[in-house]
């Protein structure tokens, strides 16, 4: 076989080597999507990450859910209280693990759908005790600023006004501040664990 290949080399020239090179690339040089894909997380891993976002007094009875590929909610564990914990996307900016009550879930849905303002009429509570990343403390819909790492915190989702509360509007590593002040999605950001 090799003798036939070597006899062909003078006649076949560039076409032979191009074909051989292409065959090599197809066999070895182009890894498949499956080789580059991140292994699928187990349901237990997702549940563990989701529950890391809230205090045990909340997470013990919380429903654990994730957003499926169609944008719907897929239940990973049914709960007994009004909180839902979600595993988020550890590689995504602004997609942290979180635990939220029903009001906060609605607030988040309104935000994700870019509604002009939240449709909620009472404050919601949301925990991100495993930390998070975000783009801005001032612009709720910023998609271009470099990511900011945020430590453990929890939030009261209600349009607090810094003029009437006296609270600061700039990020603090401790204490509380109003995030996205002046926008309909302003809310109280409380650093640390409750």
N, C-alpha and C. Protein backbone atom coordinates (compact mmCIF):
# COMPACT_ATOMS: atom_id res chain seq x y z
N UNK A 1 0.83 -1.20 0.00
CA UNK A 1 0.00 0.00 0.00
C UNK A 1 0.87 1.26 0.00
N UNK A 2 1.86 1.30 0.92
CA UNK A 2 2.72 2.49 0.99
C UNK A 2 3.50 2.68 -0.30
N UNK A 3 3.92 1.57 -0.94
CA UNK A 3 4.67 1.71 -2.19
C UNK A 3 3.81 2.36 -3.26
N UNK A 4 2.50 2.06 -3.28
CA UNK A 4 1.59 2.69 -4.25
C UNK A 4 1.47 4.18 -3.97
N UNK A 5 1.40 4.54 -2.69
CA UNK A 5 1.29 5.95 -2.32
C UNK A 5 2.54 6.71 -2.76
N UNK A 6 3.72 6.12 -2.47
CA UNK A 6 4.95 6.82 -2.82
C UNK A 6 5.14 6.91 -4.33
N UNK A 7 4.68 5.89 -5.10
CA UNK A 7 4.77 5.95 -6.57
C UNK A 7 3.87 7.06 -7.10
N UNK A 8 2.74 7.31 -6.40
CA UNK A 8 1.77 8.32 -6.85
C UNK A 8 2.23 9.74 -6.56
N UNK A 9 3.13 9.90 -5.58
CA UNK A 9 3.50 11.25 -5.14
C UNK A 9 3.94 12.17 -6.27
N UNK A 10 4.80 11.75 -7.20
CA UNK A 10 5.20 12.70 -8.25
C UNK A 10 4.03 13.11 -9.14
N UNK A 11 3.13 12.17 -9.43
CA UNK A 11 1.99 12.48 -10.31
C UNK A 11 0.89 13.21 -9.55
N UNK A 12 0.68 12.81 -8.29
CA UNK A 12 -0.45 13.35 -7.53
C UNK A 12 -0.12 14.72 -6.96
N UNK A 13 1.09 14.96 -6.58
CA UNK A 13 1.56 16.25 -6.10
C UNK A 13 0.71 16.87 -4.99
N UNK A 14 0.36 18.13 -5.22
CA UNK A 14 -0.33 18.93 -4.21
C UNK A 14 -1.69 18.34 -3.86
N UNK A 15 -2.38 17.79 -4.84
CA UNK A 15 -3.71 17.22 -4.57
C UNK A 15 -3.62 16.08 -3.57
N UNK A 16 -2.59 15.24 -3.72
CA UNK A 16 -2.41 14.13 -2.79
C UNK A 16 -2.19 14.65 -1.36
N UNK A 17 -1.26 15.60 -1.22
CA UNK A 17 -0.96 16.10 0.11
C UNK A 17 -2.12 16.89 0.71
N UNK A 18 -2.86 17.64 -0.11
CA UNK A 18 -4.03 18.36 0.38
C UNK A 18 -5.09 17.38 0.87
N UNK A 19 -5.31 16.32 0.10
CA UNK A 19 -6.29 15.32 0.51
C UNK A 19 -5.88 14.61 1.79
N UNK A 20 -4.59 14.26 1.88
CA UNK A 20 -4.09 13.60 3.09
C UNK A 20 -4.21 14.52 4.29
N UNK A 21 -3.87 15.80 4.10
CA UNK A 21 -3.96 16.76 5.20
C UNK A 21 -5.41 16.94 5.65
N UNK A 22 -6.32 17.04 4.68
CA UNK A 22 -7.74 17.17 5.00
C UNK A 22 -8.24 15.95 5.77
N UNK A 23 -7.83 14.77 5.32
CA UNK A 23 -8.22 13.54 6.02
C UNK A 23 -7.69 13.56 7.46
N UNK A 24 -6.45 14.02 7.62
CA UNK A 24 -5.87 14.11 8.97
C UNK A 24 -6.69 15.06 9.84
N UNK A 25 -7.03 16.25 9.29
CA UNK A 25 -7.81 17.22 10.06
C UNK A 25 -9.17 16.67 10.44
N UNK A 26 -9.80 16.00 9.50
CA UNK A 26 -11.12 15.43 9.80
C UNK A 26 -11.05 14.39 10.89
N UNK A 27 -9.96 13.63 10.90
CA UNK A 27 -9.82 12.58 11.92
C UNK A 27 -9.30 13.09 13.25
N UNK A 28 -8.40 14.06 13.21
CA UNK A 28 -7.74 14.47 14.45
C UNK A 28 -7.83 15.96 14.79
N UNK A 29 -8.04 16.80 13.80
CA UNK A 29 -7.89 18.24 14.03
C UNK A 29 -9.14 19.00 14.37
N UNK A 30 -10.31 18.44 14.14
CA UNK A 30 -11.56 19.12 14.42
C UNK A 30 -12.30 18.37 15.52
N UNK A 31 -12.09 18.73 16.78
CA UNK A 31 -12.80 18.01 17.84
C UNK A 31 -14.30 18.22 17.70
N UNK A 32 -15.03 17.21 18.03
CA UNK A 32 -16.49 17.30 17.93
C UNK A 32 -17.04 18.18 19.05
N UNK A 33 -18.27 18.62 18.86
CA UNK A 33 -18.93 19.43 19.89
C UNK A 33 -19.03 18.65 21.19
N UNK A 34 -19.21 17.35 21.08
CA UNK A 34 -19.31 16.52 22.29
C UNK A 34 -18.02 16.55 23.10
N UNK A 35 -16.86 16.64 22.40
CA UNK A 35 -15.59 16.67 23.12
C UNK A 35 -15.42 17.99 23.87
N UNK A 36 -15.98 19.09 23.34
CA UNK A 36 -15.84 20.40 23.96
C UNK A 36 -16.96 20.72 24.93
N UNK A 37 -18.04 19.98 24.89
CA UNK A 37 -19.20 20.28 25.73
C UNK A 37 -18.89 20.02 27.20
N UNK A 38 -19.41 20.88 28.03
CA UNK A 38 -19.28 20.71 29.47
C UNK A 38 -20.16 19.54 29.89
N UNK A 39 -19.67 18.65 30.75
CA UNK A 39 -20.51 17.52 31.16
C UNK A 39 -21.80 18.02 31.83
N UNK A 40 -22.87 17.33 31.57
CA UNK A 40 -24.17 17.69 32.15
C UNK A 40 -24.11 17.53 33.66
N UNK A 41 -24.55 18.55 34.36
CA UNK A 41 -24.61 18.50 35.82
C UNK A 41 -25.72 17.57 36.27
N UNK A 42 -25.50 16.89 37.34
CA UNK A 42 -26.56 16.03 37.88
C UNK A 42 -27.61 16.89 38.57
N UNK A 43 -28.78 16.33 38.73
CA UNK A 43 -29.85 17.04 39.42
C UNK A 43 -29.44 17.34 40.86
N UNK A 44 -28.75 16.40 41.49
CA UNK A 44 -28.30 16.60 42.88
C UNK A 44 -27.33 17.78 42.99
N UNK A 45 -26.44 17.95 42.00
CA UNK A 45 -25.50 19.08 42.01
C UNK A 45 -26.25 20.40 41.86
N UNK A 46 -27.24 20.43 40.98
CA UNK A 46 -28.02 21.65 40.79
C UNK A 46 -28.79 22.00 42.04
N UNK A 47 -29.39 21.00 42.67
CA UNK A 47 -30.15 21.25 43.91
C UNK A 47 -29.22 21.78 45.00
N UNK A 48 -28.05 21.17 45.13
CA UNK A 48 -27.08 21.62 46.16
C UNK A 48 -26.69 23.09 45.93
N UNK A 49 -26.41 23.46 44.68
CA UNK A 49 -26.03 24.84 44.40
C UNK A 49 -27.19 25.80 44.66
N UNK A 50 -28.40 25.41 44.27
CA UNK A 50 -29.57 26.26 44.51
C UNK A 50 -29.77 26.50 46.00
N UNK A 51 -29.65 25.45 46.79
CA UNK A 51 -29.88 25.57 48.23
C UNK A 51 -28.78 26.36 48.94
N UNK A 52 -27.61 26.49 48.31
CA UNK A 52 -26.52 27.28 48.90
C UNK A 52 -26.83 28.76 48.91
N UNK A 53 -27.87 29.17 48.19
CA UNK A 53 -28.20 30.59 48.05
C UNK A 53 -29.00 31.15 49.21
N UNK A 54 -29.63 30.31 50.01
CA UNK A 54 -30.50 30.82 51.06
C UNK A 54 -30.18 30.26 52.43
N UNK A 55 -30.76 30.86 53.48
CA UNK A 55 -30.59 30.32 54.83
C UNK A 55 -31.38 29.02 54.97
N UNK A 56 -30.90 28.13 55.82
CA UNK A 56 -31.54 26.82 56.00
C UNK A 56 -33.01 26.95 56.39
N UNK A 57 -33.35 27.99 57.16
CA UNK A 57 -34.75 28.18 57.56
C UNK A 57 -35.67 28.38 56.36
N UNK A 58 -35.12 28.82 55.24
CA UNK A 58 -35.87 29.01 54.00
C UNK A 58 -35.71 27.79 53.09
N UNK A 59 -34.46 27.34 52.91
CA UNK A 59 -34.18 26.31 51.91
C UNK A 59 -34.72 24.93 52.30
N UNK A 60 -34.86 24.67 53.59
CA UNK A 60 -35.36 23.35 54.01
C UNK A 60 -36.71 23.03 53.38
N UNK A 61 -37.56 24.02 53.20
CA UNK A 61 -38.89 23.78 52.63
C UNK A 61 -39.10 24.40 51.26
N UNK A 62 -38.03 24.90 50.64
CA UNK A 62 -38.17 25.58 49.35
C UNK A 62 -38.30 24.60 48.19
N UNK A 63 -39.04 25.01 47.19
CA UNK A 63 -39.05 24.30 45.91
C UNK A 63 -37.74 24.63 45.21
N UNK A 64 -37.16 23.66 44.52
CA UNK A 64 -35.97 23.92 43.70
C UNK A 64 -36.38 23.74 42.25
N UNK A 65 -36.07 24.73 41.44
CA UNK A 65 -36.47 24.70 40.03
C UNK A 65 -35.39 25.33 39.18
N UNK A 66 -35.46 25.04 37.88
CA UNK A 66 -34.56 25.67 36.91
C UNK A 66 -35.37 26.04 35.68
N UNK A 67 -34.82 26.96 34.90
CA UNK A 67 -35.44 27.34 33.64
C UNK A 67 -35.01 26.31 32.59
N UNK A 68 -35.99 25.72 31.89
CA UNK A 68 -35.65 24.73 30.87
C UNK A 68 -35.34 25.40 29.54
N UNK A 69 -35.00 24.62 28.54
CA UNK A 69 -34.58 25.17 27.24
C UNK A 69 -35.70 25.92 26.52
N UNK A 70 -36.96 25.68 26.92
CA UNK A 70 -38.09 26.39 26.31
C UNK A 70 -38.49 27.64 27.09
N UNK A 71 -37.74 27.96 28.16
CA UNK A 71 -38.05 29.12 28.98
C UNK A 71 -39.06 28.85 30.07
N UNK A 72 -39.47 27.59 30.21
CA UNK A 72 -40.41 27.22 31.26
C UNK A 72 -39.70 26.82 32.54
N UNK A 73 -40.45 26.61 33.57
CA UNK A 73 -39.89 26.25 34.87
C UNK A 73 -39.96 24.72 35.03
N UNK A 74 -38.81 24.12 35.32
CA UNK A 74 -38.74 22.67 35.56
C UNK A 74 -38.45 22.45 37.04
N UNK A 75 -39.34 21.74 37.72
CA UNK A 75 -39.19 21.48 39.15
C UNK A 75 -38.16 20.36 39.36
N UNK A 76 -37.15 20.64 40.18
CA UNK A 76 -36.14 19.64 40.54
C UNK A 76 -36.47 19.00 41.88
N UNK A 77 -37.14 19.77 42.74
CA UNK A 77 -37.57 19.27 44.05
C UNK A 77 -38.76 20.09 44.49
N UNK A 78 -39.85 19.43 44.81
CA UNK A 78 -41.05 20.13 45.27
C UNK A 78 -40.86 20.57 46.72
N UNK A 79 -41.31 21.76 47.05
CA UNK A 79 -41.15 22.28 48.40
C UNK A 79 -42.47 22.43 49.12
N UNK A 80 -42.37 22.99 50.32
CA UNK A 80 -43.56 23.16 51.17
C UNK A 80 -43.79 24.60 51.60
N UNK A 81 -42.88 25.52 51.23
CA UNK A 81 -43.10 26.92 51.57
C UNK A 81 -43.23 27.76 50.30
N UNK A 82 -43.28 29.07 50.43
CA UNK A 82 -43.50 29.95 49.29
C UNK A 82 -42.20 30.39 48.60
N UNK A 83 -41.09 29.76 48.91
CA UNK A 83 -39.82 30.14 48.30
C UNK A 83 -39.43 29.15 47.20
N UNK A 84 -38.76 29.69 46.18
CA UNK A 84 -38.19 28.87 45.10
C UNK A 84 -36.71 29.18 45.04
N UNK A 85 -35.91 28.14 45.06
CA UNK A 85 -34.46 28.29 44.91
C UNK A 85 -34.07 27.78 43.52
N UNK A 86 -33.17 28.51 42.88
CA UNK A 86 -32.75 28.16 41.53
C UNK A 86 -31.23 28.06 41.48
N UNK A 87 -30.67 27.08 40.75
CA UNK A 87 -29.22 26.90 40.71
C UNK A 87 -28.49 27.96 39.92
N UNK A 88 -29.18 28.67 39.03
CA UNK A 88 -28.52 29.68 38.21
C UNK A 88 -27.52 29.05 37.27
N UNK A 89 -26.63 29.86 36.76
CA UNK A 89 -25.57 29.42 35.86
C UNK A 89 -24.25 29.95 36.42
N UNK A 90 -23.42 29.06 36.99
CA UNK A 90 -22.18 29.54 37.61
C UNK A 90 -21.23 30.21 36.63
N UNK A 91 -21.41 29.97 35.32
CA UNK A 91 -20.55 30.59 34.32
C UNK A 91 -21.18 31.84 33.70
N UNK A 92 -22.43 32.14 34.06
CA UNK A 92 -23.13 33.28 33.48
C UNK A 92 -23.08 34.50 34.38
N UNK A 93 -22.93 35.67 33.78
CA UNK A 93 -22.92 36.92 34.55
C UNK A 93 -24.37 37.31 34.82
N UNK A 94 -24.66 37.60 36.07
CA UNK A 94 -26.01 37.97 36.44
C UNK A 94 -26.96 36.78 36.50
N UNK A 95 -26.43 35.58 36.64
CA UNK A 95 -27.25 34.37 36.71
C UNK A 95 -26.87 33.55 37.94
N UNK A 96 -26.94 34.16 39.13
CA UNK A 96 -26.48 33.46 40.33
C UNK A 96 -27.51 32.46 40.86
N UNK A 97 -27.04 31.59 41.71
CA UNK A 97 -27.96 30.76 42.50
C UNK A 97 -28.75 31.72 43.38
N UNK A 98 -30.05 31.46 43.55
CA UNK A 98 -30.89 32.39 44.31
C UNK A 98 -32.06 31.66 44.95
N UNK A 99 -32.59 32.24 46.01
CA UNK A 99 -33.83 31.78 46.64
C UNK A 99 -34.73 33.00 46.78
N UNK A 100 -35.95 32.89 46.25
CA UNK A 100 -36.84 34.04 46.21
C UNK A 100 -38.26 33.64 46.60
N UNK A 101 -38.97 34.56 47.27
CA UNK A 101 -40.38 34.30 47.56
C UNK A 101 -41.20 34.55 46.28
N UNK A 102 -42.52 34.32 46.36
CA UNK A 102 -43.37 34.45 45.17
C UNK A 102 -43.34 35.85 44.59
N UNK A 103 -43.32 36.85 45.44
CA UNK A 103 -43.29 38.24 44.96
C UNK A 103 -41.98 38.50 44.22
N UNK A 104 -40.88 38.07 44.80
CA UNK A 104 -39.58 38.26 44.15
C UNK A 104 -39.50 37.51 42.83
N UNK A 105 -40.11 36.34 42.76
CA UNK A 105 -40.12 35.58 41.49
C UNK A 105 -40.86 36.38 40.41
N UNK A 106 -41.96 37.03 40.78
CA UNK A 106 -42.69 37.85 39.82
C UNK A 106 -41.87 39.07 39.41
N UNK A 107 -41.23 39.71 40.39
CA UNK A 107 -40.35 40.86 40.13
C UNK A 107 -39.27 40.47 39.13
N UNK A 108 -38.63 39.30 39.37
CA UNK A 108 -37.58 38.81 38.47
C UNK A 108 -38.12 38.54 37.07
N UNK A 109 -39.31 37.97 36.99
CA UNK A 109 -39.92 37.70 35.69
C UNK A 109 -40.17 39.00 34.94
N UNK A 110 -40.70 40.00 35.63
CA UNK A 110 -40.94 41.31 35.01
C UNK A 110 -39.62 41.90 34.51
N UNK A 111 -38.58 41.79 35.31
CA UNK A 111 -37.27 42.30 34.94
C UNK A 111 -36.74 41.57 33.70
N UNK A 112 -36.80 40.25 33.71
CA UNK A 112 -36.30 39.45 32.58
C UNK A 112 -37.04 39.76 31.29
N UNK A 113 -38.32 40.11 31.41
CA UNK A 113 -39.12 40.43 30.23
C UNK A 113 -39.08 41.93 29.89
N UNK A 114 -38.18 42.67 30.55
CA UNK A 114 -37.96 44.10 30.30
C UNK A 114 -39.25 44.91 30.38
N UNK A 115 -40.10 44.57 31.35
CA UNK A 115 -41.30 45.37 31.56
C UNK A 115 -40.88 46.74 32.09
N UNK A 116 -41.68 47.74 31.81
CA UNK A 116 -41.34 49.11 32.21
C UNK A 116 -41.13 49.24 33.71
N UNK A 117 -41.89 48.47 34.48
CA UNK A 117 -41.73 48.46 35.93
C UNK A 117 -42.28 47.14 36.47
N UNK A 118 -41.87 46.77 37.68
CA UNK A 118 -42.39 45.53 38.25
C UNK A 118 -43.90 45.62 38.48
N UNK A 119 -44.58 44.51 38.33
CA UNK A 119 -46.02 44.47 38.55
C UNK A 119 -46.37 44.15 40.00
N UNK A 120 -45.37 44.00 40.83
CA UNK A 120 -45.59 43.65 42.24
C UNK A 120 -46.13 44.84 43.02
N UNK A 121 -46.92 44.54 44.06
CA UNK A 121 -47.53 45.62 44.86
C UNK A 121 -47.09 45.57 46.32
N UNK A 122 -46.26 44.58 46.65
CA UNK A 122 -45.69 44.47 48.00
C UNK A 122 -44.22 44.09 47.84
N UNK A 123 -43.40 44.29 48.87
CA UNK A 123 -41.98 43.93 48.76
C UNK A 123 -41.77 42.42 48.64
N UNK A 124 -40.73 42.05 47.89
CA UNK A 124 -40.31 40.66 47.78
C UNK A 124 -38.96 40.47 48.45
N UNK A 125 -38.67 39.24 48.83
CA UNK A 125 -37.40 38.91 49.49
C UNK A 125 -36.65 37.92 48.60
N UNK A 126 -35.35 38.17 48.42
CA UNK A 126 -34.51 37.28 47.61
C UNK A 126 -33.14 37.14 48.27
N UNK A 127 -32.64 35.91 48.29
CA UNK A 127 -31.34 35.61 48.88
C UNK A 127 -30.37 35.17 47.80
N UNK A 128 -29.12 35.66 47.91
CA UNK A 128 -28.02 35.22 47.06
C UNK A 128 -26.80 35.03 47.96
N UNK A 129 -26.94 34.10 48.88
CA UNK A 129 -25.90 33.93 49.90
C UNK A 129 -24.66 33.22 49.39
N UNK A 130 -24.70 32.69 48.17
CA UNK A 130 -23.52 32.10 47.56
C UNK A 130 -22.76 33.12 46.71
N UNK A 131 -23.22 34.37 46.73
CA UNK A 131 -22.58 35.43 45.95
C UNK A 131 -23.16 35.51 44.55
N UNK A 132 -22.66 36.48 43.79
CA UNK A 132 -23.20 36.72 42.45
C UNK A 132 -22.21 37.54 41.64
N UNK A 133 -22.55 37.75 40.39
CA UNK A 133 -21.86 38.73 39.55
C UNK A 133 -22.92 39.62 38.94
N UNK A 134 -22.55 40.84 38.67
CA UNK A 134 -23.46 41.80 38.04
C UNK A 134 -22.63 42.74 37.20
N UNK A 135 -23.31 43.57 36.43
CA UNK A 135 -22.61 44.52 35.57
C UNK A 135 -22.60 45.95 36.12
N UNK A 136 -23.66 46.31 36.84
CA UNK A 136 -23.77 47.72 37.24
C UNK A 136 -24.64 47.86 38.49
N UNK A 137 -24.29 48.82 39.33
CA UNK A 137 -25.13 49.18 40.48
C UNK A 137 -26.13 50.27 40.12
N UNK A 138 -25.99 50.84 38.91
CA UNK A 138 -26.85 51.97 38.54
C UNK A 138 -27.79 51.67 37.37
N UNK A 139 -27.39 50.80 36.45
CA UNK A 139 -28.19 50.52 35.25
C UNK A 139 -28.67 49.07 35.26
N UNK A 140 -29.97 48.85 35.46
CA UNK A 140 -30.47 47.47 35.53
C UNK A 140 -30.25 46.66 34.26
N UNK A 141 -30.17 47.31 33.11
CA UNK A 141 -30.09 46.58 31.85
C UNK A 141 -28.72 46.68 31.17
N UNK A 142 -27.69 47.02 31.94
CA UNK A 142 -26.32 47.09 31.42
C UNK A 142 -25.87 45.68 31.01
N UNK A 143 -25.43 45.54 29.77
CA UNK A 143 -24.95 44.25 29.26
C UNK A 143 -23.49 44.30 28.82
N UNK A 144 -22.82 45.44 28.99
CA UNK A 144 -21.48 45.59 28.43
C UNK A 144 -20.38 45.87 29.45
N UNK A 145 -20.71 46.39 30.61
CA UNK A 145 -19.66 46.71 31.59
C UNK A 145 -19.01 45.43 32.09
N UNK A 146 -17.76 45.53 32.53
CA UNK A 146 -17.08 44.34 33.07
C UNK A 146 -17.85 43.80 34.28
N UNK A 147 -17.81 42.49 34.48
CA UNK A 147 -18.53 41.92 35.61
C UNK A 147 -17.94 42.34 36.96
N UNK A 148 -18.82 42.50 37.93
CA UNK A 148 -18.46 42.86 39.30
C UNK A 148 -18.82 41.67 40.18
N UNK A 149 -17.87 41.15 40.92
CA UNK A 149 -18.15 40.05 41.85
C UNK A 149 -18.77 40.63 43.12
N UNK A 150 -19.84 40.01 43.57
CA UNK A 150 -20.55 40.45 44.77
C UNK A 150 -20.55 39.29 45.77
N UNK A 151 -20.25 39.59 47.01
CA UNK A 151 -20.26 38.56 48.04
C UNK A 151 -21.67 38.18 48.44
N UNK A 152 -21.80 37.35 49.47
CA UNK A 152 -23.13 36.95 49.93
C UNK A 152 -23.98 38.17 50.27
N UNK A 153 -25.26 38.13 49.86
CA UNK A 153 -26.16 39.25 50.13
C UNK A 153 -27.60 38.78 50.01
N UNK A 154 -28.50 39.65 50.43
CA UNK A 154 -29.93 39.41 50.24
C UNK A 154 -30.58 40.73 49.91
N UNK A 155 -31.79 40.68 49.39
CA UNK A 155 -32.40 41.89 48.87
C UNK A 155 -33.87 42.00 49.27
N UNK A 156 -34.30 43.22 49.43
CA UNK A 156 -35.73 43.52 49.56
C UNK A 156 -36.09 44.24 48.27
N UNK A 157 -36.92 43.59 47.47
CA UNK A 157 -37.25 44.10 46.14
C UNK A 157 -38.46 45.02 46.21
N UNK A 158 -38.13 46.28 46.36
CA UNK A 158 -39.14 47.33 46.48
C UNK A 158 -38.46 48.62 46.06
N UNK A 159 -39.16 49.55 45.41
CA UNK A 159 -38.50 50.75 44.88
C UNK A 159 -38.14 51.77 45.97
N UNK A 160 -37.15 51.44 46.77
CA UNK A 160 -36.68 52.36 47.81
C UNK A 160 -36.12 53.62 47.17
N UNK A 161 -36.33 54.74 47.83
CA UNK A 161 -35.86 56.03 47.35
C UNK A 161 -34.77 56.53 48.29
N UNK A 162 -33.57 56.78 47.78
CA UNK A 162 -32.49 57.23 48.65
C UNK A 162 -32.78 58.56 49.33
N UNK A 163 -33.63 59.40 48.72
CA UNK A 163 -33.93 60.71 49.33
C UNK A 163 -34.76 60.55 50.59
N UNK A 164 -35.63 59.54 50.65
CA UNK A 164 -36.48 59.37 51.83
C UNK A 164 -35.90 58.38 52.83
N UNK A 165 -34.99 57.51 52.38
CA UNK A 165 -34.42 56.52 53.30
C UNK A 165 -33.08 56.95 53.87
N UNK A 166 -32.37 57.82 53.15
CA UNK A 166 -31.04 58.22 53.59
C UNK A 166 -29.98 57.16 53.31
N UNK A 167 -30.34 56.10 52.58
CA UNK A 167 -29.38 55.04 52.28
C UNK A 167 -28.51 55.41 51.08
N UNK A 168 -27.27 54.93 51.06
CA UNK A 168 -26.37 55.24 49.94
C UNK A 168 -26.81 54.50 48.67
N UNK A 169 -26.26 54.94 47.55
CA UNK A 169 -26.58 54.32 46.26
C UNK A 169 -25.36 53.70 45.61
N UNK A 170 -24.25 53.66 46.33
CA UNK A 170 -23.05 53.04 45.78
C UNK A 170 -22.76 51.73 46.49
N UNK A 171 -22.16 50.83 45.74
CA UNK A 171 -21.85 49.50 46.24
C UNK A 171 -20.97 49.57 47.49
N UNK A 172 -21.33 48.74 48.46
CA UNK A 172 -20.55 48.65 49.69
C UNK A 172 -20.29 47.18 49.98
N UNK A 173 -19.12 46.83 50.51
CA UNK A 173 -18.87 45.43 50.83
C UNK A 173 -19.61 44.97 52.09
N UNK A 174 -20.05 45.93 52.89
CA UNK A 174 -20.82 45.61 54.10
C UNK A 174 -21.99 46.58 54.19
N UNK A 175 -22.96 46.25 55.00
CA UNK A 175 -24.10 47.14 55.19
C UNK A 175 -25.08 47.07 54.04
N UNK A 176 -25.83 48.15 53.85
CA UNK A 176 -26.89 48.15 52.83
C UNK A 176 -26.75 49.37 51.93
N UNK A 177 -27.24 49.21 50.72
CA UNK A 177 -27.31 50.33 49.78
C UNK A 177 -28.45 50.07 48.81
N UNK A 178 -28.87 51.12 48.12
CA UNK A 178 -29.94 50.98 47.14
C UNK A 178 -29.31 50.77 45.77
N UNK A 179 -29.58 49.62 45.21
CA UNK A 179 -29.07 49.29 43.88
C UNK A 179 -30.08 49.75 42.83
N UNK A 180 -29.59 50.24 41.70
CA UNK A 180 -30.40 50.72 40.58
C UNK A 180 -31.34 51.85 41.00
N UNK A 181 -30.85 52.69 41.93
CA UNK A 181 -31.65 53.82 42.43
C UNK A 181 -32.13 54.69 41.28
N UNK A 182 -33.35 55.20 41.42
CA UNK A 182 -33.93 56.07 40.41
C UNK A 182 -34.61 55.32 39.28
N UNK A 183 -34.45 54.01 39.24
CA UNK A 183 -35.14 53.21 38.22
C UNK A 183 -36.32 52.49 38.88
N UNK A 184 -37.28 52.02 38.09
CA UNK A 184 -38.40 51.28 38.68
C UNK A 184 -37.95 49.98 39.36
N UNK A 185 -36.73 49.52 39.03
CA UNK A 185 -36.22 48.28 39.61
C UNK A 185 -35.26 48.52 40.77
N UNK A 186 -35.29 49.72 41.35
CA UNK A 186 -34.50 50.00 42.54
C UNK A 186 -34.88 49.01 43.64
N UNK A 187 -33.89 48.62 44.42
CA UNK A 187 -34.17 47.69 45.53
C UNK A 187 -33.06 47.80 46.56
N UNK A 188 -33.34 47.30 47.75
CA UNK A 188 -32.38 47.35 48.84
C UNK A 188 -31.48 46.13 48.79
N UNK A 189 -30.19 46.37 48.71
CA UNK A 189 -29.15 45.35 48.65
C UNK A 189 -28.50 45.30 50.01
N UNK A 190 -28.56 44.18 50.69
CA UNK A 190 -28.01 44.06 52.04
C UNK A 190 -26.88 43.03 52.00
N UNK A 191 -25.66 43.52 52.23
CA UNK A 191 -24.49 42.66 52.13
C UNK A 191 -24.37 41.77 53.37
N UNK A 192 -23.89 40.55 53.16
CA UNK A 192 -23.72 39.59 54.24
C UNK A 192 -24.92 38.66 54.37
N UNK A 193 -24.84 37.81 55.36
CA UNK A 193 -25.90 36.83 55.60
C UNK A 193 -26.79 37.32 56.73
N UNK A 194 -28.11 37.09 56.61
CA UNK A 194 -29.01 37.56 57.68
C UNK A 194 -28.82 36.77 58.96
